[in-house]
Amino acid sequence: MKKESLSYHHGNLRRALIDAALEIIGEHGVKALSIREVAKKAGVSHAAPYRHFKDKDDLLSAVAIEGFDMVIQDTLERFERYRDNPLERFRQSGLAYIDFAAAHPSHYRVMFSSCEQNVTDGVDRHSREAFMILYTSIAECQGKKLVRTQDTFELAMAAWSLVHGYAMLVIDGFIKDPSDRLKYVITDALYRGLRETNTP
C-alpha cells in the first residue's frame, strides 16, 4: 500500500496503469487484459485503477488515444522536414504509421482492435484527426497535379489500407526486414500508383 499511495500522490498511478496494460497486451494480447491483471502488474490494489478508469474499455480508450496522439505528433514532425515537398509528406504519412506500429505494437493493436472502446467519442475524434492528416496530404498533392484527380476519400482509404496491412504483417511477425527496405518499396508502389499518368 505504501508503493500505491506514493505513486498516486505524485500522479504516477495513471501512467503506471497504462504501462502495465501495454505490457500485458504485448505478452498476451488485447483480449487477455483485465483491470485485476493491470492492478497486479502495476503493484497496486484491485480498486486502485478505478481512480482513473471506470472500466477496462476506459483504460483501452486511454491507450488508443495516446497511440493516435503519438503517431499524429510524429507525422507532423516529419511534415516539417518536407514543407516544400507535398509528395514526400504523403509518403511520410504512410511511413509514420509503419514505423509507429513497429516501435509500439501494443498501442497499435489497441488503436485498431475490434473492441468497443474504438467507438467512443474520444478515440473516434483522435482517429479521425490522424486520418485527416493523410487525407489532407493527398488533397494537397491533387491540387498540385501530383496525384490523380479521383475521389480524395477513396484514395486516402486505399493508402491507409495498404500501410495498415503492411504494419500488421510487421507486428505479427510475418515480415522481418532488418534493413527496412520493404517499407519504401511498399510506399513507392502506392505513391507511383496514385500519381497522375503524366507525372514522372
Protein backbone atom coordinates (compact mmCIF):
# COMPACT_ATOMS: atom_id res chain seq x y z
CA MET A 1 0.00 0.00 0.00
CA LYS A 2 2.92 2.34 0.62
CA LYS A 3 4.04 1.99 -3.01
CA GLU A 4 0.49 2.54 -4.24
CA SER A 5 -0.03 5.64 -2.09
CA LEU A 6 3.29 7.14 -3.17
CA SER A 7 2.55 6.62 -6.85
CA TYR A 8 -0.93 8.07 -6.55
CA HIS A 9 0.29 11.04 -4.54
CA HIS A 10 2.77 12.00 -7.23
CA GLY A 11 0.30 11.49 -10.06
CA ASN A 12 2.11 8.46 -11.45
CA LEU A 13 -0.64 5.89 -10.99
CA ARG A 14 -2.39 6.60 -14.30
CA ARG A 15 0.91 6.28 -16.19
CA ALA A 16 1.79 3.10 -14.30
CA LEU A 17 -1.59 1.56 -15.17
CA ILE A 18 -1.26 2.39 -18.88
CA ASP A 19 2.27 0.97 -18.93
CA ALA A 20 1.07 -2.18 -17.18
CA ALA A 21 -1.75 -2.56 -19.71
CA LEU A 22 0.69 -2.19 -22.61
CA GLU A 23 2.96 -4.81 -21.11
CA ILE A 24 0.10 -7.29 -20.68
CA ILE A 25 -1.11 -6.66 -24.24
CA GLY A 26 2.40 -7.19 -25.55
CA GLU A 27 2.68 -10.51 -23.73
CA HIS A 28 -0.83 -11.93 -24.09
CA GLY A 29 -2.90 -9.77 -26.46
CA VAL A 30 -5.75 -7.30 -26.02
CA LYS A 31 -8.34 -9.91 -25.03
CA ALA A 32 -6.24 -11.02 -22.06
CA LEU A 33 -6.41 -7.59 -20.46
CA SER A 34 -8.39 -7.13 -17.25
CA ILE A 35 -8.43 -4.45 -14.58
CA ARG A 36 -7.39 -7.04 -12.00
CA GLU A 37 -4.34 -8.10 -14.04
CA VAL A 38 -3.39 -4.49 -14.68
CA ALA A 39 -3.54 -3.71 -10.97
CA LYS A 40 -1.43 -6.77 -10.20
CA LYS A 41 1.16 -5.85 -12.83
CA ALA A 42 1.32 -2.26 -11.54
CA GLY A 43 1.68 -3.45 -7.93
CA VAL A 44 -1.46 -1.74 -6.62
CA SER A 45 -4.74 -2.88 -5.10
CA HIS A 46 -7.56 -4.14 -7.31
CA ALA A 47 -9.54 -0.99 -6.57
CA ALA A 48 -6.75 1.47 -7.42
CA PRO A 49 -7.28 1.54 -11.23
CA TYR A 50 -10.82 2.82 -10.73
CA ARG A 51 -9.39 6.11 -9.51
CA HIS A 52 -8.52 6.85 -13.13
CA PHE A 53 -10.54 4.45 -15.30
CA LYS A 54 -14.16 3.46 -14.89
CA ASP A 55 -13.61 0.05 -16.53
CA LYS A 56 -11.37 -1.90 -18.89
CA ASP A 57 -12.76 -0.20 -22.00
CA ASP A 58 -11.98 3.19 -20.50
CA LEU A 59 -8.38 2.10 -19.95
CA LEU A 60 -8.14 0.76 -23.51
CA SER A 61 -9.53 4.05 -24.79
CA ALA A 62 -6.74 5.89 -22.99
CA VAL A 63 -4.17 3.59 -24.60
CA ALA A 64 -5.69 4.11 -28.06
CA ILE A 65 -5.87 7.89 -27.68
CA GLU A 66 -2.27 8.01 -26.51
CA GLY A 67 -1.25 5.97 -29.55
CA PHE A 68 -3.07 8.22 -32.00
CA ASP A 69 -1.55 11.30 -30.37
CA MET A 70 1.92 9.79 -30.74
CA VAL A 71 1.53 8.92 -34.42
CA ILE A 72 -0.04 12.33 -35.15
CA GLN A 73 2.85 14.13 -33.48
CA ASP A 74 5.43 12.02 -35.31
CA THR A 75 3.73 12.58 -38.67
CA LEU A 76 3.53 16.35 -38.20
CA GLU A 77 7.19 16.47 -37.17
CA ARG A 78 8.08 14.61 -40.36
CA PHE A 79 5.98 17.06 -42.38
CA GLU A 80 8.04 19.94 -41.02
CA ARG A 81 11.11 18.48 -42.69
CA TYR A 82 9.38 18.43 -46.09
CA ARG A 83 7.47 21.71 -46.17
CA ASP A 84 8.12 22.21 -49.88
CA ASN A 85 7.57 18.61 -50.95
CA PRO A 86 3.89 17.58 -50.73
CA LEU A 87 4.50 14.18 -52.35
CA GLU A 88 7.15 13.35 -49.74
CA ARG A 89 4.76 14.41 -46.97
CA PHE A 90 2.24 12.00 -48.47
CA ARG A 91 4.86 9.26 -48.32
CA GLN A 92 5.84 10.15 -44.76
CA SER A 93 2.24 9.88 -43.60
CA GLY A 94 2.41 6.21 -44.55
CA LEU A 95 5.91 5.60 -43.23
CA ALA A 96 4.93 7.16 -39.91
CA TYR A 97 2.19 4.55 -39.46
CA ILE A 98 4.53 1.69 -40.30
CA ASP A 99 7.32 2.94 -38.05
CA PHE A 100 4.93 3.60 -35.19
CA ALA A 101 3.44 0.11 -35.41
CA ALA A 102 6.88 -1.50 -35.38
CA ALA A 103 8.00 0.57 -32.38
CA HIS A 104 4.73 0.45 -30.42
CA PRO A 105 2.87 -2.75 -31.37
CA SER A 106 0.73 -2.85 -28.21
CA HIS A 107 -0.56 0.66 -28.80
CA TYR A 108 -1.19 -0.16 -32.45
CA ARG A 109 -3.20 -3.29 -31.68
CA VAL A 110 -5.47 -1.36 -29.34
CA MET A 111 -5.89 1.55 -31.76
CA PHE A 112 -7.20 -0.77 -34.46
CA SER A 113 -8.77 -3.55 -32.44
CA SER A 114 -12.43 -4.50 -32.76
CA CYS A 115 -13.11 -3.81 -29.08
CA GLU A 116 -15.96 -1.50 -28.12
CA GLN A 117 -13.60 1.23 -26.93
CA ASN A 118 -12.85 2.11 -30.53
CA VAL A 119 -16.30 3.64 -30.99
CA THR A 120 -16.06 6.05 -28.05
CA ASP A 121 -16.10 9.76 -28.83
CA GLY A 122 -12.54 10.31 -27.66
CA VAL A 123 -10.99 7.54 -29.72
CA ASP A 124 -13.12 8.37 -32.74
CA ARG A 125 -12.06 12.02 -32.61
CA HIS A 126 -8.35 11.19 -32.43
CA SER A 127 -8.54 8.53 -35.15
CA ARG A 128 -10.33 10.96 -37.44
CA GLU A 129 -7.64 13.55 -36.81
CA ALA A 130 -4.97 11.03 -37.79
CA PHE A 131 -6.89 10.08 -40.93
CA MET A 132 -7.43 13.71 -41.90
CA ILE A 133 -3.67 14.29 -41.95
CA LEU A 134 -3.41 11.61 -44.65
CA TYR A 135 -6.49 12.94 -46.43
CA THR A 136 -5.17 16.50 -46.45
CA SER A 137 -1.75 15.43 -47.72
CA ILE A 138 -3.40 13.66 -50.67
CA ALA A 139 -5.66 16.63 -51.36
CA GLU A 140 -2.61 18.91 -51.44
CA CYS A 141 -0.89 16.60 -53.93
CA GLN A 142 -4.03 16.60 -56.06
CA GLY A 143 -4.06 20.39 -56.01
CA LYS A 144 -0.54 20.39 -57.41
CA LYS A 145 -1.38 17.72 -60.02
CA LEU A 146 0.95 15.20 -58.36
CA VAL A 147 -1.80 12.68 -57.58
CA ARG A 148 -4.66 11.79 -59.87
CA THR A 149 -7.97 13.60 -59.53
CA GLN A 150 -10.01 10.72 -58.12
CA ASP A 151 -12.22 10.99 -55.05
CA THR A 152 -9.84 12.03 -52.25
CA PHE A 153 -11.54 9.93 -49.60
CA GLU A 154 -11.27 6.81 -51.75
CA LEU A 155 -7.56 7.41 -52.36
CA ALA A 156 -6.98 8.04 -48.66
CA MET A 157 -8.75 4.80 -47.75
CA ALA A 158 -6.70 2.89 -50.31
CA ALA A 159 -3.45 4.37 -48.99
CA TRP A 160 -4.38 3.75 -45.37
CA SER A 161 -5.45 0.16 -46.08
CA LEU A 162 -2.13 -0.63 -47.71
CA VAL A 163 0.11 0.78 -44.98
CA HIS A 164 -2.12 -0.63 -42.24
CA GLY A 165 -1.96 -4.09 -43.76
CA TYR A 166 1.81 -3.88 -44.04
CA ALA A 167 2.10 -2.62 -40.46
CA MET A 168 0.03 -5.55 -39.17
CA LEU A 169 2.20 -8.03 -41.08
CA VAL A 170 5.24 -6.46 -39.43
CA ILE A 171 3.95 -6.59 -35.86
CA ASP A 172 2.53 -10.09 -36.36
CA GLY A 173 6.00 -11.27 -37.37
CA PHE A 174 5.23 -12.17 -40.99
CA ILE A 175 7.65 -9.55 -42.32
CA LYS A 176 11.16 -9.42 -40.92
CA ASP A 177 13.28 -6.92 -42.81
CA PRO A 178 16.15 -5.55 -40.69
CA SER A 179 17.06 -3.08 -43.44
CA ASP A 180 13.51 -1.65 -43.58
CA ARG A 181 13.85 -1.66 -47.36
CA LEU A 182 10.42 -3.19 -47.93
CA LYS A 183 8.52 -0.29 -46.39
CA TYR A 184 10.00 2.01 -49.03
CA VAL A 185 9.14 -0.47 -51.77
CA ILE A 186 5.55 -0.56 -50.49
CA THR A 187 5.15 3.20 -50.27
CA ASP A 188 6.83 3.71 -53.65
CA ALA A 189 4.38 1.28 -55.23
CA LEU A 190 1.47 3.11 -53.62
CA TYR A 191 2.51 6.63 -54.48
CA ARG A 192 3.58 5.80 -58.01
CA GLY A 193 0.23 4.13 -58.49
CA LEU A 194 -1.66 7.23 -57.37
CA ARG A 195 0.31 9.75 -59.40
CA GLU A 196 -1.10 11.45 -62.46
CA THR A 197 -0.25 9.46 -65.58
CA ASN A 198 1.79 12.36 -66.98
CA THR A 199 3.84 12.79 -63.79
CA PRO A 200 7.36 11.27 -63.90
